[in-house]
Amino acid sequence: MKLYKLIITGNHTDFVIQYTVSTNFIAYNDCQFTGTEQEKYDQFLTELQKVMGELTINIKVKMTNKTVDRAFTKSVILSIKDVGDFIQKLSA
């Protein structure tokens, strides 16, 4: 089973998402996605679709206007296709 953790820094318009994955609950490794934030988010969605079953994604938001830990289910994240919309959803 894969566990994903996302760390988001920056602000609503200028942000960076670090995608990490673990298979042992302890050590997280970078997913090595490349491109713009939208392209990396698309790669994450593609990988997430391949994972069987419902799982929860841990999200650490350390933005200039908000610091919070969130968790979304796989199905919620897969329903959000635009990375900007994803960032807005984290602020809600």
C-alpha atoms as a PDB file:
ATOM      1  CA  MET A   1       0.000   0.000   0.000  1.00  0.00           C
ATOM      2  CA  LYS A   2       1.263   3.465  -0.882  1.00  0.00           C
ATOM      3  CA  LEU A   3       0.870   6.438   1.413  1.00  0.00           C
ATOM      4  CA  TYR A   4       1.083   9.941  -0.020  1.00  0.00           C
ATOM      5  CA  LYS A   5       1.980  13.167   1.755  1.00  0.00           C
ATOM      6  CA  LEU A   6       1.827  16.566   0.073  1.00  0.00           C
ATOM      7  CA  ILE A   7       3.597  19.633   1.444  1.00  0.00           C
ATOM      8  CA  ILE A   8       2.407  22.962   0.052  1.00  0.00           C
ATOM      9  CA  THR A   9       4.346  26.206   0.486  1.00  0.00           C
ATOM     10  CA  GLY A  10       3.977  29.706  -0.923  1.00  0.00           C
ATOM     11  CA  ASN A  11       0.702  31.589  -1.344  1.00  0.00           C
ATOM     12  CA  HIS A  12      -2.527  31.192  -3.352  1.00  0.00           C
ATOM     13  CA  THR A  13      -1.021  32.344  -6.632  1.00  0.00           C
ATOM     14  CA  ASP A  14       2.644  31.377  -6.268  1.00  0.00           C
ATOM     15  CA  PHE A  15       2.910  27.961  -4.621  1.00  0.00           C
ATOM     16  CA  VAL A  16       4.971  24.775  -4.713  1.00  0.00           C
ATOM     17  CA  ILE A  17       3.646  21.298  -3.990  1.00  0.00           C
ATOM     18  CA  GLN A  18       6.104  18.630  -2.871  1.00  0.00           C
ATOM     19  CA  TYR A  19       4.735  15.145  -3.552  1.00  0.00           C
ATOM     20  CA  THR A  20       6.101  12.304  -1.408  1.00  0.00           C
ATOM     21  CA  VAL A  21       5.217   8.619  -1.139  1.00  0.00           C
ATOM     22  CA  SER A  22       5.916   5.852   1.375  1.00  0.00           C
ATOM     23  CA  THR A  23       5.390   2.114   1.362  1.00  0.00           C
ATOM     24  CA  ASN A  24       6.460   1.504   4.966  1.00  0.00           C
ATOM     25  CA  PHE A  25       4.690   4.249   6.986  1.00  0.00           C
ATOM     26  CA  ILE A  26       8.060   5.754   7.985  1.00  0.00           C
ATOM     27  CA  ALA A  27      10.302   6.875   5.133  1.00  0.00           C
ATOM     28  CA  TYR A  28       8.799   9.174   2.507  1.00  0.00           C
ATOM     29  CA  ASN A  29      10.499   9.611  -0.863  1.00  0.00           C
ATOM     30  CA  ASP A  30      10.029  12.358  -3.439  1.00  0.00           C
ATOM     31  CA  CYS A  31       7.740  11.330  -6.322  1.00  0.00           C
ATOM     32  CA  GLN A  32      10.059  12.993  -8.881  1.00  0.00           C
ATOM     33  CA  PHE A  33       7.246  14.701 -10.816  1.00  0.00           C
ATOM     34  CA  THR A  34       8.469  17.378 -13.231  1.00  0.00           C
ATOM     35  CA  GLY A  35       7.015  20.373 -15.063  1.00  0.00           C
ATOM     36  CA  THR A  36       4.718  23.170 -14.008  1.00  0.00           C
ATOM     37  CA  GLU A  37       2.612  22.804 -10.876  1.00  0.00           C
ATOM     38  CA  GLN A  38      -0.358  21.802 -13.072  1.00  0.00           C
ATOM     39  CA  GLU A  39       1.745  19.186 -14.900  1.00  0.00           C
ATOM     40  CA  LYS A  40       3.025  17.747 -11.615  1.00  0.00           C
ATOM     41  CA  TYR A  41      -0.525  17.675 -10.227  1.00  0.00           C
ATOM     42  CA  ASP A  42      -1.705  15.852 -13.373  1.00  0.00           C
ATOM     43  CA  GLN A  43       1.080  13.281 -12.912  1.00  0.00           C
ATOM     44  CA  PHE A  44       0.005  12.838  -9.290  1.00  0.00           C
ATOM     45  CA  LEU A  45      -3.623  12.287 -10.324  1.00  0.00           C
ATOM     46  CA  THR A  46      -2.529   9.690 -12.898  1.00  0.00           C
ATOM     47  CA  GLU A  47      -0.491   7.821 -10.291  1.00  0.00           C
ATOM     48  CA  LEU A  48      -3.293   8.086  -7.739  1.00  0.00           C
ATOM     49  CA  GLN A  49      -5.761   6.494 -10.176  1.00  0.00           C
ATOM     50  CA  LYS A  50      -3.536   3.406 -10.379  1.00  0.00           C
ATOM     51  CA  VAL A  51      -3.669   2.810  -6.605  1.00  0.00           C
ATOM     52  CA  MET A  52      -6.356   0.310  -5.667  1.00  0.00           C
ATOM     53  CA  GLY A  53      -8.869   1.119  -2.968  1.00  0.00           C
ATOM     54  CA  GLU A  54      -9.776   4.260  -1.096  1.00  0.00           C
ATOM     55  CA  LEU A  55      -7.021   5.965   0.848  1.00  0.00           C
ATOM     56  CA  THR A  56      -6.434   9.234   2.618  1.00  0.00           C
ATOM     57  CA  ILE A  57      -3.816  11.725   1.451  1.00  0.00           C
ATOM     58  CA  ASN A  58      -2.031  13.710   4.191  1.00  0.00           C
ATOM     59  CA  ILE A  59      -1.597  17.367   3.212  1.00  0.00           C
ATOM     60  CA  LYS A  60       0.575  19.832   5.110  1.00  0.00           C
ATOM     61  CA  VAL A  61      -0.192  23.431   4.144  1.00  0.00           C
ATOM     62  CA  LYS A  62       2.549  25.888   5.114  1.00  0.00           C
ATOM     63  CA  MET A  63       1.489  28.885   3.051  1.00  0.00           C
ATOM     64  CA  THR A  64       2.129  32.522   3.934  1.00  0.00           C
ATOM     65  CA  ASN A  65      -1.575  33.036   4.688  1.00  0.00           C
ATOM     66  CA  LYS A  66      -2.438  29.627   6.174  1.00  0.00           C
ATOM     67  CA  THR A  67      -0.764  26.811   8.098  1.00  0.00           C
ATOM     68  CA  VAL A  68      -2.847  23.695   8.578  1.00  0.00           C
ATOM     69  CA  ASP A  69      -2.741  19.925   8.285  1.00  0.00           C
ATOM     70  CA  ARG A  70      -5.491  18.468   6.132  1.00  0.00           C
ATOM     71  CA  ALA A  71      -6.449  15.069   4.810  1.00  0.00           C
ATOM     72  CA  PHE A  72      -8.522  14.331   1.719  1.00  0.00           C
ATOM     73  CA  THR A  73      -9.663  10.997   0.417  1.00  0.00           C
ATOM     74  CA  LYS A  74      -8.465   9.737  -2.922  1.00  0.00           C
ATOM     75  CA  SER A  75     -11.910  10.233  -4.481  1.00  0.00           C
ATOM     76  CA  VAL A  76     -12.066  13.897  -3.396  1.00  0.00           C
ATOM     77  CA  ILE A  77      -8.637  14.638  -4.862  1.00  0.00           C
ATOM     78  CA  LEU A  78      -9.417  12.803  -8.108  1.00  0.00           C
ATOM     79  CA  SER A  79     -12.527  14.967  -8.521  1.00  0.00           C
ATOM     80  CA  ILE A  80     -10.389  18.147  -8.545  1.00  0.00           C
ATOM     81  CA  LYS A  81      -8.673  18.421 -11.931  1.00  0.00           C
ATOM     82  CA  ASP A  82      -7.176  21.919 -11.660  1.00  0.00           C
ATOM     83  CA  VAL A  83      -4.292  22.539  -9.251  1.00  0.00           C
ATOM     84  CA  GLY A  84      -5.561  26.083  -8.571  1.00  0.00           C
ATOM     85  CA  ASP A  85      -8.944  24.673  -7.542  1.00  0.00           C
ATOM     86  CA  PHE A  86      -7.126  22.178  -5.292  1.00  0.00           C
ATOM     87  CA  ILE A  87      -5.283  25.017  -3.535  1.00  0.00           C
ATOM     88  CA  GLN A  88      -8.563  26.930  -3.116  1.00  0.00           C
ATOM     89  CA  LYS A  89     -10.237  23.824  -1.629  1.00  0.00           C
ATOM     90  CA  LEU A  90      -7.465  23.619   0.976  1.00  0.00           C
ATOM     91  CA  SER A  91      -8.283  27.155   2.074  1.00  0.00           C
ATOM     92  CA  ALA A  92     -11.978  26.444   2.592  1.00  0.00           C
END
